[in-house]
Amino acid sequence: MRCSSGRLRGGIAAGRSYDAESAGLRVLSGRPLHRRYRRAGVVPLAHDIDAGAGVAAVWFVRRAGRPDAVEDVCLFERVEGSWRYLGGGGSQGEFLLTGRPSAARAGPASLMTSWTGCAVRSSADRDAQSHPGDLTDVGWVACALFRVAAEVAHLQADTRRIEVPWHGYVIVAWKAPPVSELPPKPPIAAIGADGSRLTELGSHDHLDSLTWAAIEAATEGT
């Protein structure tokens, strides 16, 4: 998923523009979307707020369940007491707002499926710079997208608990320190209803530990 600065816009009912910034701010404040968004099939799929780091992310999908479904991700940062929109990214995909799959039936790879992510430079860090354009001390605001199976009660990102919506699509937001390459994510674990760690994803991993174990078991001896 590609990130960009500025507003994400796309078609909406009656030719109106889709203001993702405004829609994201409504989600972060706990308010429902305007009726025109709902009529156009815009659904707030998931959101996450890391209050300690002062960052947030909102994941939207338009026309869920259709071949032309489109996802929009919006990143925000707390600057001078208000949420500032940093930009986001979008892509097409298949989004089925149905019950979550069971890893017991679908296999271990479905327990915590990583969808991709998005990252932009911190606006608050930029404002604090004495030399505009110098990114040496400018960190990142980032997010990662997942769909988790029915066995997962919640995700844990470092010490933060992130609830899982009923459909299993989850977004995790974080702030990373200044690095020249894309920022590492916090360790993310899928936690079961009994509190057990079902699988985990390291800061630089693309596949979770349970999926890796299943791949190694399948290829052992070949």
N, C-alpha and C. Protein backbone atom coordinates (compact mmCIF):
# COMPACT_ATOMS: atom_id res chain seq x y z
N MET A 1 0.84 -1.19 0.00
CA MET A 1 0.00 0.00 0.00
C MET A 1 0.87 1.24 0.00
N ARG A 2 0.60 2.17 -0.87
CA ARG A 2 1.38 3.39 -0.97
C ARG A 2 0.76 4.48 -0.09
N CYS A 3 1.62 5.21 0.60
CA CYS A 3 1.17 6.35 1.39
C CYS A 3 1.38 7.64 0.61
N SER A 4 0.52 8.60 0.89
CA SER A 4 0.68 9.91 0.26
C SER A 4 0.22 10.98 1.23
N SER A 5 0.72 12.19 1.03
CA SER A 5 0.23 13.30 1.84
C SER A 5 -1.00 13.89 1.18
N GLY A 6 -1.75 14.67 1.94
CA GLY A 6 -2.97 15.25 1.39
C GLY A 6 -4.16 14.33 1.57
N ARG A 7 -5.28 14.72 0.98
CA ARG A 7 -6.51 13.98 1.18
C ARG A 7 -6.68 12.87 0.16
N LEU A 8 -7.26 11.79 0.64
CA LEU A 8 -7.66 10.72 -0.27
C LEU A 8 -9.05 11.05 -0.76
N ARG A 9 -9.23 10.97 -2.07
CA ARG A 9 -10.55 11.28 -2.59
C ARG A 9 -10.95 10.22 -3.59
N GLY A 10 -12.23 9.95 -3.66
CA GLY A 10 -12.75 8.99 -4.62
C GLY A 10 -14.22 9.26 -4.84
N GLY A 11 -14.84 8.51 -5.72
CA GLY A 11 -16.23 8.76 -6.02
C GLY A 11 -17.15 8.48 -4.85
N ILE A 12 -18.17 9.27 -4.72
CA ILE A 12 -19.18 9.06 -3.69
C ILE A 12 -20.53 9.44 -4.28
N ALA A 13 -21.58 9.08 -3.61
CA ALA A 13 -22.93 9.26 -4.14
C ALA A 13 -23.16 10.68 -4.64
N ALA A 14 -23.90 10.78 -5.73
CA ALA A 14 -24.31 12.08 -6.29
C ALA A 14 -23.13 12.93 -6.71
N GLY A 15 -21.97 12.28 -7.01
CA GLY A 15 -20.81 13.01 -7.48
C GLY A 15 -20.06 13.75 -6.40
N ARG A 16 -20.39 13.56 -5.13
CA ARG A 16 -19.69 14.26 -4.06
C ARG A 16 -18.33 13.62 -3.82
N SER A 17 -17.37 14.42 -3.33
CA SER A 17 -16.04 13.90 -3.05
C SER A 17 -16.06 13.14 -1.73
N TYR A 18 -15.14 12.19 -1.61
CA TYR A 18 -15.00 11.41 -0.38
C TYR A 18 -13.86 12.02 0.41
N ASP A 19 -14.20 12.76 1.44
CA ASP A 19 -13.21 13.43 2.28
C ASP A 19 -12.78 12.47 3.38
N ALA A 20 -11.69 11.73 3.13
CA ALA A 20 -11.23 10.73 4.08
C ALA A 20 -10.75 11.35 5.39
N GLU A 21 -10.20 12.56 5.32
CA GLU A 21 -9.75 13.23 6.54
C GLU A 21 -10.93 13.48 7.48
N SER A 22 -12.00 14.06 6.94
CA SER A 22 -13.18 14.34 7.76
C SER A 22 -13.80 13.06 8.30
N ALA A 23 -13.89 12.04 7.44
CA ALA A 23 -14.46 10.77 7.88
C ALA A 23 -13.61 10.14 8.98
N GLY A 24 -12.28 10.20 8.83
CA GLY A 24 -11.40 9.64 9.84
C GLY A 24 -11.51 10.35 11.17
N LEU A 25 -11.63 11.67 11.14
CA LEU A 25 -11.77 12.43 12.38
C LEU A 25 -13.07 12.07 13.09
N ARG A 26 -14.13 11.82 12.34
CA ARG A 26 -15.40 11.42 12.95
C ARG A 26 -15.25 10.07 13.65
N VAL A 27 -14.54 9.15 13.02
CA VAL A 27 -14.33 7.84 13.63
C VAL A 27 -13.51 7.97 14.92
N LEU A 28 -12.45 8.76 14.89
CA LEU A 28 -11.60 8.92 16.07
C LEU A 28 -12.35 9.57 17.23
N SER A 29 -13.33 10.41 16.92
CA SER A 29 -14.11 11.08 17.97
C SER A 29 -15.31 10.25 18.43
N GLY A 30 -15.51 9.08 17.81
CA GLY A 30 -16.61 8.21 18.21
C GLY A 30 -17.94 8.57 17.59
N ARG A 31 -17.93 9.43 16.56
CA ARG A 31 -19.18 9.83 15.92
C ARG A 31 -19.43 8.98 14.67
N PRO A 32 -20.69 8.74 14.32
CA PRO A 32 -20.99 7.97 13.11
C PRO A 32 -20.69 8.78 11.86
N LEU A 33 -20.48 8.09 10.75
CA LEU A 33 -20.26 8.77 9.49
C LEU A 33 -21.54 9.44 9.01
N HIS A 34 -21.38 10.47 8.20
CA HIS A 34 -22.54 11.11 7.59
C HIS A 34 -23.29 10.10 6.72
N ARG A 35 -24.58 10.36 6.56
CA ARG A 35 -25.42 9.44 5.81
C ARG A 35 -24.95 9.27 4.37
N ARG A 36 -24.40 10.33 3.77
CA ARG A 36 -23.98 10.23 2.36
C ARG A 36 -22.85 9.22 2.20
N TYR A 37 -21.98 9.09 3.21
CA TYR A 37 -20.93 8.08 3.15
C TYR A 37 -21.52 6.68 3.24
N ARG A 38 -22.46 6.53 4.14
CA ARG A 38 -23.07 5.21 4.33
C ARG A 38 -23.82 4.79 3.07
N ARG A 39 -24.51 5.73 2.42
CA ARG A 39 -25.21 5.41 1.18
C ARG A 39 -24.25 4.99 0.09
N ALA A 40 -23.04 5.53 0.12
CA ALA A 40 -22.03 5.20 -0.88
C ALA A 40 -21.27 3.92 -0.53
N GLY A 41 -21.63 3.28 0.56
CA GLY A 41 -20.99 2.02 0.92
C GLY A 41 -19.67 2.16 1.62
N VAL A 42 -19.41 3.32 2.25
CA VAL A 42 -18.17 3.52 2.99
C VAL A 42 -18.33 2.97 4.40
N VAL A 43 -17.46 2.06 4.78
CA VAL A 43 -17.53 1.42 6.10
C VAL A 43 -16.22 1.65 6.84
N PRO A 44 -16.27 2.16 8.09
CA PRO A 44 -15.05 2.23 8.90
C PRO A 44 -14.71 0.83 9.40
N LEU A 45 -13.74 0.20 8.77
CA LEU A 45 -13.44 -1.20 9.04
C LEU A 45 -12.82 -1.38 10.43
N ALA A 46 -11.83 -0.55 10.74
CA ALA A 46 -11.14 -0.65 12.04
C ALA A 46 -10.38 0.64 12.29
N HIS A 47 -10.06 0.90 13.54
CA HIS A 47 -9.22 2.05 13.87
C HIS A 47 -8.42 1.72 15.13
N ASP A 48 -7.35 2.47 15.32
CA ASP A 48 -6.50 2.27 16.50
C ASP A 48 -5.92 3.61 16.92
N ILE A 49 -5.88 3.84 18.22
CA ILE A 49 -5.29 5.06 18.78
C ILE A 49 -4.22 4.65 19.79
N ASP A 50 -2.99 5.07 19.56
CA ASP A 50 -1.93 4.93 20.56
C ASP A 50 -1.82 6.27 21.26
N ALA A 51 -2.54 6.41 22.37
CA ALA A 51 -2.61 7.70 23.05
C ALA A 51 -1.25 8.13 23.58
N GLY A 52 -0.45 7.18 24.05
CA GLY A 52 0.86 7.51 24.59
C GLY A 52 1.79 8.11 23.54
N ALA A 53 1.73 7.57 22.33
CA ALA A 53 2.58 8.07 21.24
C ALA A 53 1.93 9.22 20.48
N GLY A 54 0.62 9.42 20.69
CA GLY A 54 -0.09 10.50 20.01
C GLY A 54 -0.29 10.26 18.53
N VAL A 55 -0.57 8.99 18.17
CA VAL A 55 -0.80 8.66 16.76
C VAL A 55 -2.06 7.80 16.64
N ALA A 56 -2.64 7.78 15.44
CA ALA A 56 -3.85 7.00 15.22
C ALA A 56 -3.94 6.64 13.75
N ALA A 57 -4.74 5.60 13.47
CA ALA A 57 -4.96 5.17 12.09
C ALA A 57 -6.40 4.69 11.96
N VAL A 58 -7.00 4.95 10.80
CA VAL A 58 -8.37 4.53 10.51
C VAL A 58 -8.35 3.78 9.18
N TRP A 59 -9.03 2.65 9.14
CA TRP A 59 -9.08 1.80 7.95
C TRP A 59 -10.51 1.77 7.43
N PHE A 60 -10.72 2.29 6.22
CA PHE A 60 -12.02 2.30 5.58
C PHE A 60 -12.05 1.30 4.44
N VAL A 61 -13.25 0.83 4.11
CA VAL A 61 -13.44 0.07 2.89
C VAL A 61 -14.70 0.59 2.22
N ARG A 62 -14.63 0.71 0.90
CA ARG A 62 -15.79 1.12 0.12
C ARG A 62 -16.25 -0.05 -0.74
N ARG A 63 -17.57 -0.25 -0.76
CA ARG A 63 -18.18 -1.31 -1.57
C ARG A 63 -17.69 -2.70 -1.15
N ALA A 64 -17.66 -2.94 0.15
CA ALA A 64 -17.22 -4.24 0.67
C ALA A 64 -18.08 -5.36 0.10
N GLY A 65 -17.44 -6.49 -0.20
CA GLY A 65 -18.13 -7.64 -0.74
C GLY A 65 -18.28 -7.64 -2.24
N ARG A 66 -17.83 -6.55 -2.91
CA ARG A 66 -17.91 -6.46 -4.37
C ARG A 66 -16.51 -6.56 -4.96
N PRO A 67 -16.41 -6.98 -6.23
CA PRO A 67 -15.09 -7.11 -6.86
C PRO A 67 -14.32 -5.80 -6.93
N ASP A 68 -15.05 -4.66 -6.95
CA ASP A 68 -14.38 -3.36 -7.07
C ASP A 68 -14.21 -2.68 -5.71
N ALA A 69 -14.19 -3.46 -4.63
CA ALA A 69 -14.00 -2.89 -3.30
C ALA A 69 -12.65 -2.18 -3.21
N VAL A 70 -12.63 -1.07 -2.48
CA VAL A 70 -11.42 -0.27 -2.34
C VAL A 70 -11.20 0.03 -0.86
N GLU A 71 -9.94 -0.09 -0.41
CA GLU A 71 -9.61 0.25 0.97
C GLU A 71 -8.89 1.59 1.02
N ASP A 72 -9.14 2.35 2.07
CA ASP A 72 -8.46 3.62 2.33
C ASP A 72 -7.93 3.58 3.76
N VAL A 73 -6.68 3.95 3.94
CA VAL A 73 -6.08 4.03 5.28
C VAL A 73 -5.67 5.47 5.53
N CYS A 74 -6.04 6.00 6.69
CA CYS A 74 -5.73 7.38 7.06
C CYS A 74 -4.86 7.39 8.31
N LEU A 75 -3.77 8.14 8.28
CA LEU A 75 -2.89 8.27 9.44
C LEU A 75 -3.04 9.66 10.05
N PHE A 76 -3.04 9.71 11.38
CA PHE A 76 -3.19 10.96 12.11
C PHE A 76 -2.13 11.04 13.21
N GLU A 77 -1.80 12.29 13.58
CA GLU A 77 -0.88 12.52 14.69
C GLU A 77 -1.41 13.66 15.55
N ARG A 78 -1.22 13.52 16.86
CA ARG A 78 -1.67 14.55 17.79
C ARG A 78 -0.65 15.69 17.78
N VAL A 79 -1.06 16.86 17.33
CA VAL A 79 -0.17 18.02 17.25
C VAL A 79 -0.87 19.22 17.89
N GLU A 80 -0.28 19.76 18.93
CA GLU A 80 -0.84 20.92 19.64
C GLU A 80 -2.29 20.66 20.08
N GLY A 81 -2.54 19.46 20.56
CA GLY A 81 -3.83 19.14 21.14
C GLY A 81 -4.91 18.69 20.18
N SER A 82 -4.61 18.62 18.88
CA SER A 82 -5.60 18.21 17.89
C SER A 82 -5.02 17.15 16.97
N TRP A 83 -5.93 16.36 16.38
CA TRP A 83 -5.49 15.36 15.42
C TRP A 83 -5.18 16.04 14.09
N ARG A 84 -3.98 15.80 13.58
CA ARG A 84 -3.57 16.33 12.28
C ARG A 84 -3.50 15.17 11.28
N TYR A 85 -4.14 15.36 10.15
CA TYR A 85 -4.15 14.33 9.10
C TYR A 85 -2.82 14.33 8.37
N LEU A 86 -2.19 13.18 8.25
CA LEU A 86 -0.87 13.07 7.63
C LEU A 86 -0.91 12.53 6.21
N GLY A 87 -2.04 11.99 5.82
CA GLY A 87 -2.14 11.34 4.51
C GLY A 87 -2.50 9.88 4.70
N GLY A 88 -2.32 9.10 3.66
CA GLY A 88 -2.67 7.69 3.76
C GLY A 88 -2.44 6.98 2.46
N GLY A 89 -3.04 5.84 2.32
CA GLY A 89 -2.88 5.04 1.11
C GLY A 89 -4.14 4.26 0.82
N GLY A 90 -4.19 3.64 -0.33
CA GLY A 90 -5.37 2.88 -0.70
C GLY A 90 -5.05 1.86 -1.76
N SER A 91 -5.86 0.83 -1.84
CA SER A 91 -5.70 -0.20 -2.87
C SER A 91 -7.01 -0.96 -2.99
N GLN A 92 -7.10 -1.79 -4.01
CA GLN A 92 -8.27 -2.63 -4.20
C GLN A 92 -8.04 -3.99 -3.57
N GLY A 93 -9.12 -4.62 -3.15
CA GLY A 93 -9.02 -5.94 -2.56
C GLY A 93 -10.40 -6.51 -2.31
N GLU A 94 -10.43 -7.70 -1.77
CA GLU A 94 -11.70 -8.34 -1.47
C GLU A 94 -11.93 -8.29 0.03
N PHE A 95 -13.02 -7.69 0.44
CA PHE A 95 -13.33 -7.55 1.85
C PHE A 95 -14.70 -8.16 2.11
N LEU A 96 -14.71 -9.24 2.85
CA LEU A 96 -15.95 -9.93 3.17
C LEU A 96 -16.29 -9.66 4.63
N LEU A 97 -17.32 -8.86 4.84
CA LEU A 97 -17.73 -8.52 6.20
C LEU A 97 -18.63 -9.62 6.74
N THR A 98 -18.04 -10.79 6.88
CA THR A 98 -18.73 -11.95 7.42
C THR A 98 -17.98 -12.42 8.65
N GLY A 99 -18.43 -13.52 9.22
CA GLY A 99 -17.75 -14.06 10.39
C GLY A 99 -16.31 -14.40 10.10
N ARG A 100 -15.47 -14.34 11.13
CA ARG A 100 -14.05 -14.62 10.97
C ARG A 100 -13.81 -16.10 10.65
N PRO A 101 -12.77 -16.40 9.89
CA PRO A 101 -12.43 -17.80 9.64
C PRO A 101 -11.89 -18.46 10.91
N SER A 102 -11.97 -19.76 10.97
CA SER A 102 -11.40 -20.51 12.08
C SER A 102 -10.07 -21.09 11.64
N ALA A 103 -9.01 -20.83 12.40
CA ALA A 103 -7.69 -21.36 12.06
C ALA A 103 -7.67 -22.88 12.19
N ALA A 104 -8.54 -23.42 13.05
CA ALA A 104 -8.60 -24.87 13.19
C ALA A 104 -9.03 -25.53 11.89
N ARG A 105 -9.84 -24.84 11.10
CA ARG A 105 -10.29 -25.38 9.82
C ARG A 105 -9.46 -24.87 8.65
N ALA A 106 -9.15 -23.56 8.66
CA ALA A 106 -8.47 -22.96 7.52
C ALA A 106 -6.95 -23.12 7.57
N GLY A 107 -6.41 -23.51 8.72
CA GLY A 107 -4.98 -23.70 8.83
C GLY A 107 -4.30 -22.58 9.60
N PRO A 108 -3.07 -22.83 10.08
CA PRO A 108 -2.37 -21.86 10.92
C PRO A 108 -2.08 -20.53 10.24
N ALA A 109 -1.95 -20.52 8.91
CA ALA A 109 -1.64 -19.28 8.21
C ALA A 109 -2.76 -18.26 8.32
N SER A 110 -3.97 -18.71 8.63
CA SER A 110 -5.11 -17.81 8.73
C SER A 110 -5.25 -17.19 10.12
N LEU A 111 -4.42 -17.62 11.07
CA LEU A 111 -4.56 -17.13 12.45
C LEU A 111 -4.32 -15.63 12.53
N MET A 112 -3.25 -15.16 11.87
CA MET A 112 -2.97 -13.73 11.85
C MET A 112 -2.37 -13.40 10.50
N THR A 113 -3.21 -13.04 9.55
CA THR A 113 -2.78 -12.74 8.18
C THR A 113 -2.40 -11.27 8.08
N SER A 114 -1.15 -11.02 7.68
CA SER A 114 -0.67 -9.65 7.53
C SER A 114 -1.02 -9.13 6.14
N TRP A 115 -1.69 -7.96 6.08
CA TRP A 115 -2.17 -7.41 4.81
C TRP A 115 -1.20 -6.42 4.20
N THR A 116 -0.45 -5.71 4.89
CA THR A 116 0.54 -4.71 4.44
C THR A 116 0.50 -3.59 5.46
N GLY A 117 0.95 -2.41 5.09
CA GLY A 117 0.98 -1.30 6.02
C GLY A 117 1.22 0.01 5.32
N CYS A 118 1.47 1.04 6.12
CA CYS A 118 1.58 2.39 5.58
C CYS A 118 2.40 3.22 6.57
N ALA A 119 3.23 4.14 6.07
CA ALA A 119 4.05 4.96 6.95
C ALA A 119 4.31 6.32 6.32
N VAL A 120 4.31 7.36 7.16
CA VAL A 120 4.66 8.72 6.73
C VAL A 120 5.51 9.36 7.82
N ARG A 121 6.25 10.38 7.46
CA ARG A 121 7.07 11.07 8.43
C ARG A 121 6.21 11.86 9.43
N SER A 122 6.70 11.95 10.67
CA SER A 122 5.97 12.63 11.74
C SER A 122 5.86 14.12 11.49
N SER A 123 4.65 14.63 11.55
CA SER A 123 4.43 16.07 11.39
C SER A 123 4.90 16.84 12.62
N ALA A 124 4.68 16.26 13.81
CA ALA A 124 5.12 16.93 15.04
C ALA A 124 6.63 17.08 15.07
N ASP A 125 7.34 16.04 14.62
CA ASP A 125 8.80 16.12 14.59
C ASP A 125 9.27 17.13 13.56
N ARG A 126 8.57 17.20 12.43
CA ARG A 126 8.94 18.21 11.42
C ARG A 126 8.79 19.62 11.98
N ASP A 127 7.69 19.86 12.71
CA ASP A 127 7.45 21.19 13.27
C ASP A 127 8.55 21.59 14.25
N ALA A 128 9.14 20.59 14.91
CA ALA A 128 10.16 20.87 15.92
C ALA A 128 11.54 21.10 15.31
N GLN A 129 11.69 20.88 14.00
CA GLN A 129 12.98 21.03 13.35
C GLN A 129 13.36 22.50 13.18
N SER A 130 14.61 22.82 13.47
CA SER A 130 15.11 24.18 13.24
C SER A 130 15.56 24.37 11.81
N HIS A 131 15.83 23.26 11.11
CA HIS A 131 16.25 23.33 9.71
C HIS A 131 15.24 22.56 8.86
N PRO A 132 14.33 23.25 8.19
CA PRO A 132 13.32 22.57 7.35
C PRO A 132 13.98 21.67 6.32
N GLY A 133 13.41 20.50 6.15
CA GLY A 133 13.95 19.55 5.19
C GLY A 133 14.94 18.57 5.77
N ASP A 134 15.43 18.84 6.98
CA ASP A 134 16.36 17.92 7.64
C ASP A 134 15.55 16.83 8.34
N LEU A 135 15.70 15.59 7.89
CA LEU A 135 14.92 14.48 8.44
C LEU A 135 15.69 13.67 9.48
N THR A 136 16.84 14.18 9.91
CA THR A 136 17.69 13.42 10.83
C THR A 136 16.95 13.02 12.09
N ASP A 137 16.16 13.92 12.63
CA ASP A 137 15.46 13.66 13.89
C ASP A 137 13.95 13.54 13.69
N VAL A 138 13.52 13.25 12.48
CA VAL A 138 12.08 13.12 12.19
C VAL A 138 11.70 11.65 12.15
N GLY A 139 10.82 11.26 13.06
CA GLY A 139 10.38 9.86 13.14
C GLY A 139 9.27 9.55 12.15
N TRP A 140 8.65 8.41 12.36
CA TRP A 140 7.60 7.91 11.46
C TRP A 140 6.30 7.67 12.22
N VAL A 141 5.20 7.90 11.54
CA VAL A 141 3.88 7.43 12.00
C VAL A 141 3.49 6.32 11.03
N ALA A 142 3.17 5.15 11.56
CA ALA A 142 2.98 3.98 10.71
C ALA A 142 1.82 3.13 11.21
N CYS A 143 1.41 2.20 10.35
CA CYS A 143 0.35 1.26 10.73
C CYS A 143 0.56 -0.05 9.99
N ALA A 144 0.00 -1.11 10.53
CA ALA A 144 -0.01 -2.42 9.90
C ALA A 144 -1.44 -2.96 9.93
N LEU A 145 -1.81 -3.70 8.89
CA LEU A 145 -3.16 -4.21 8.72
C LEU A 145 -3.16 -5.73 8.82
N PHE A 146 -4.17 -6.26 9.49
CA PHE A 146 -4.27 -7.70 9.68
C PHE A 146 -5.72 -8.15 9.55
N ARG A 147 -5.87 -9.45 9.23
CA ARG A 147 -7.13 -10.12 9.51
C ARG A 147 -6.81 -11.34 10.36
N VAL A 148 -7.51 -11.49 11.46
CA VAL A 148 -7.20 -12.57 12.39
C VAL A 148 -8.37 -13.54 12.48
N ALA A 149 -8.07 -14.75 12.91
CA ALA A 149 -9.06 -15.82 12.96
C ALA A 149 -9.92 -15.73 14.22
N ALA A 150 -10.92 -16.59 14.27
CA ALA A 150 -11.89 -16.57 15.37
C ALA A 150 -11.24 -16.91 16.71
N GLU A 151 -10.12 -17.61 16.70
CA GLU A 151 -9.45 -17.99 17.94
C GLU A 151 -8.76 -16.83 18.65
N VAL A 152 -8.59 -15.70 17.96
CA VAL A 152 -7.86 -14.55 18.51
C VAL A 152 -8.82 -13.63 19.24
N ALA A 153 -8.54 -13.39 20.53
CA ALA A 153 -9.38 -12.50 21.33
C ALA A 153 -8.96 -11.03 21.15
N HIS A 154 -7.65 -10.79 21.10
CA HIS A 154 -7.15 -9.44 20.87
C HIS A 154 -5.69 -9.53 20.41
N LEU A 155 -5.17 -8.41 19.90
CA LEU A 155 -3.77 -8.30 19.57
C LEU A 155 -3.05 -7.51 20.66
N GLN A 156 -1.78 -7.79 20.80
CA GLN A 156 -0.95 -7.04 21.73
C GLN A 156 0.24 -6.47 20.97
N ALA A 157 0.35 -5.15 20.94
CA ALA A 157 1.46 -4.46 20.29
C ALA A 157 2.34 -3.88 21.39
N ASP A 158 3.51 -4.48 21.61
CA ASP A 158 4.31 -4.17 22.80
C ASP A 158 3.43 -4.46 24.02
N THR A 159 3.08 -3.41 24.77
CA THR A 159 2.24 -3.61 25.95
C THR A 159 0.79 -3.19 25.72
N ARG A 160 0.49 -2.68 24.52
CA ARG A 160 -0.87 -2.20 24.26
C ARG A 160 -1.79 -3.34 23.83
N ARG A 161 -3.02 -3.31 24.33
CA ARG A 161 -4.05 -4.26 23.95
C ARG A 161 -4.93 -3.63 22.87
N ILE A 162 -5.14 -4.34 21.77
CA ILE A 162 -5.94 -3.84 20.66
C ILE A 162 -7.09 -4.81 20.42
N GLU A 163 -8.30 -4.32 20.59
CA GLU A 163 -9.47 -5.17 20.44
C GLU A 163 -9.69 -5.54 18.97
N VAL A 164 -10.28 -6.70 18.76
CA VAL A 164 -10.53 -7.20 17.41
C VAL A 164 -12.02 -7.02 17.09
N PRO A 165 -12.36 -6.30 16.02
CA PRO A 165 -13.77 -6.21 15.61
C PRO A 165 -14.32 -7.58 15.24
N TRP A 166 -15.62 -7.69 15.19
CA TRP A 166 -16.25 -8.99 14.98
C TRP A 166 -15.84 -9.64 13.66
N HIS A 167 -15.51 -8.82 12.64
CA HIS A 167 -15.15 -9.37 11.33
C HIS A 167 -13.68 -9.76 11.23
N GLY A 168 -12.88 -9.39 12.22
CA GLY A 168 -11.49 -9.83 12.27
C GLY A 168 -10.47 -8.94 11.61
N TYR A 169 -10.88 -7.84 10.95
CA TYR A 169 -9.93 -6.91 10.36
C TYR A 169 -9.43 -5.96 11.45
N VAL A 170 -8.11 -5.85 11.59
CA VAL A 170 -7.52 -5.06 12.67
C VAL A 170 -6.42 -4.16 12.11
N ILE A 171 -6.33 -2.94 12.64
CA ILE A 171 -5.24 -2.04 12.27
C ILE A 171 -4.47 -1.67 13.53
N VAL A 172 -3.16 -1.62 13.42
CA VAL A 172 -2.29 -1.27 14.54
C VAL A 172 -1.46 -0.04 14.15
N ALA A 173 -1.53 1.00 14.96
CA ALA A 173 -0.79 2.24 14.70
C ALA A 173 0.36 2.36 15.70
N TRP A 174 1.45 2.99 15.27
CA TRP A 174 2.57 3.24 16.19
C TRP A 174 3.42 4.38 15.66
N LYS A 175 4.29 4.89 16.52
CA LYS A 175 5.29 5.88 16.11
C LYS A 175 6.66 5.26 16.26
N ALA A 176 7.47 5.39 15.21
CA ALA A 176 8.80 4.81 15.19
C ALA A 176 9.85 5.92 15.19
N PRO A 177 11.04 5.62 15.68
CA PRO A 177 12.11 6.63 15.70
C PRO A 177 12.64 6.92 14.31
N PRO A 178 13.47 7.96 14.18
CA PRO A 178 14.02 8.30 12.87
C PRO A 178 14.93 7.19 12.33
N VAL A 179 14.61 6.71 11.16
CA VAL A 179 15.46 5.77 10.43
C VAL A 179 15.34 6.13 8.95
N SER A 180 16.36 5.78 8.19
CA SER A 180 16.35 6.15 6.78
C SER A 180 15.44 5.24 5.96
N GLU A 181 15.29 3.98 6.41
CA GLU A 181 14.43 3.04 5.70
C GLU A 181 13.05 3.03 6.35
N LEU A 182 12.17 2.15 5.85
CA LEU A 182 10.84 2.06 6.44
C LEU A 182 10.94 1.62 7.89
N PRO A 183 10.09 2.16 8.75
CA PRO A 183 10.25 1.95 10.19
C PRO A 183 9.86 0.54 10.63
N PRO A 184 10.54 -0.01 11.63
CA PRO A 184 10.15 -1.31 12.18
C PRO A 184 8.85 -1.19 12.96
N LYS A 185 8.09 -2.26 12.98
CA LYS A 185 6.85 -2.27 13.77
C LYS A 185 7.14 -2.81 15.17
N PRO A 186 6.28 -2.54 16.12
CA PRO A 186 6.45 -3.16 17.44
C PRO A 186 6.16 -4.65 17.34
N PRO A 187 6.70 -5.45 18.26
CA PRO A 187 6.31 -6.86 18.28
C PRO A 187 4.80 -6.97 18.48
N ILE A 188 4.16 -7.77 17.64
CA ILE A 188 2.70 -7.89 17.68
C ILE A 188 2.34 -9.36 17.90
N ALA A 189 1.53 -9.63 18.91
CA ALA A 189 1.15 -10.99 19.25
C ALA A 189 -0.37 -11.15 19.18
N ALA A 190 -0.81 -12.34 18.74
CA ALA A 190 -2.23 -12.70 18.77
C ALA A 190 -2.49 -13.45 20.06
N ILE A 191 -3.44 -12.95 20.84
CA ILE A 191 -3.72 -13.51 22.17
C ILE A 191 -5.07 -14.22 22.15
N GLY A 192 -5.08 -15.42 22.71
CA GLY A 192 -6.32 -16.20 22.78
C GLY A 192 -7.20 -15.78 23.94
N ALA A 193 -8.41 -16.35 24.00
CA ALA A 193 -9.36 -15.99 25.06
C ALA A 193 -8.84 -16.33 26.44
N ASP A 194 -7.97 -17.34 26.54
CA ASP A 194 -7.40 -17.73 27.83
C ASP A 194 -6.13 -16.96 28.17
N GLY A 195 -5.76 -15.99 27.36
CA GLY A 195 -4.57 -15.19 27.60
C GLY A 195 -3.30 -15.75 27.01
N SER A 196 -3.38 -16.87 26.32
CA SER A 196 -2.18 -17.49 25.74
C SER A 196 -1.76 -16.76 24.46
N ARG A 197 -0.46 -16.77 24.18
CA ARG A 197 0.08 -16.18 22.97
C ARG A 197 0.00 -17.23 21.87
N LEU A 198 -0.89 -17.01 20.91
CA LEU A 198 -1.13 -18.00 19.86
C LEU A 198 -0.06 -17.93 18.78
N THR A 199 0.36 -16.73 18.43
CA THR A 199 1.42 -16.52 17.45
C THR A 199 1.89 -15.09 17.59
N GLU A 200 3.04 -14.78 17.01
CA GLU A 200 3.57 -13.42 17.12
C GLU A 200 4.35 -13.05 15.88
N LEU A 201 4.46 -11.74 15.68
CA LEU A 201 5.14 -11.19 14.52
C LEU A 201 6.22 -10.25 15.03
N GLY A 202 7.49 -10.55 14.68
CA GLY A 202 8.59 -9.70 15.12
C GLY A 202 8.65 -8.39 14.36
N SER A 203 9.50 -7.50 14.82
CA SER A 203 9.57 -6.15 14.26
C SER A 203 9.91 -6.13 12.78
N HIS A 204 10.69 -7.09 12.31
CA HIS A 204 11.09 -7.11 10.91
C HIS A 204 10.54 -8.33 10.16
N ASP A 205 9.61 -9.05 10.78
CA ASP A 205 9.07 -10.25 10.16
C ASP A 205 7.91 -9.93 9.23
N HIS A 206 7.75 -10.75 8.20
CA HIS A 206 6.61 -10.65 7.30
C HIS A 206 5.61 -11.78 7.53
N LEU A 207 6.06 -12.85 8.15
CA LEU A 207 5.19 -13.96 8.50
C LEU A 207 5.26 -14.19 10.01
N ASP A 208 4.13 -14.56 10.61
CA ASP A 208 4.09 -14.79 12.04
C ASP A 208 4.75 -16.12 12.39
N SER A 209 5.03 -16.32 13.67
CA SER A 209 5.80 -17.48 14.13
C SER A 209 5.08 -18.80 13.86
N LEU A 210 3.76 -18.84 14.00
CA LEU A 210 3.02 -20.09 13.77
C LEU A 210 3.06 -20.48 12.29
N THR A 211 2.95 -19.50 11.41
CA THR A 211 3.02 -19.78 9.97
C THR A 211 4.40 -20.28 9.59
N TRP A 212 5.44 -19.65 10.15
CA TRP A 212 6.80 -20.12 9.88
C TRP A 212 6.98 -21.56 10.35
N ALA A 213 6.46 -21.87 11.53
CA ALA A 213 6.59 -23.23 12.06
C ALA A 213 5.88 -24.23 11.15
N ALA A 214 4.71 -23.86 10.62
CA ALA A 214 3.97 -24.75 9.73
C ALA A 214 4.73 -24.97 8.42
N ILE A 215 5.37 -23.90 7.91
CA ILE A 215 6.15 -24.03 6.66
C ILE A 215 7.35 -24.94 6.89
N GLU A 216 8.04 -24.75 8.02
CA GLU A 216 9.20 -25.59 8.31
C GLU A 216 8.81 -27.05 8.49
N ALA A 217 7.66 -27.28 9.15
CA ALA A 217 7.21 -28.66 9.34
C ALA A 217 6.86 -29.32 8.01
N ALA A 218 6.25 -28.50 7.09
CA ALA A 218 5.84 -29.06 5.80
C ALA A 218 7.03 -29.35 4.91
N THR A 219 8.11 -28.59 5.05
CA THR A 219 9.28 -28.76 4.17
C THR A 219 10.35 -29.63 4.79
N GLU A 220 10.14 -30.04 6.02
CA GLU A 220 11.15 -30.86 6.70
C GLU A 220 11.33 -32.19 5.98
N GLY A 221 12.55 -32.49 5.65
CA GLY A 221 12.84 -33.76 5.00
C GLY A 221 12.71 -33.72 3.49
N THR A 222 12.30 -32.58 2.91
CA THR A 222 12.19 -32.52 1.45
C THR A 222 13.50 -32.07 0.83
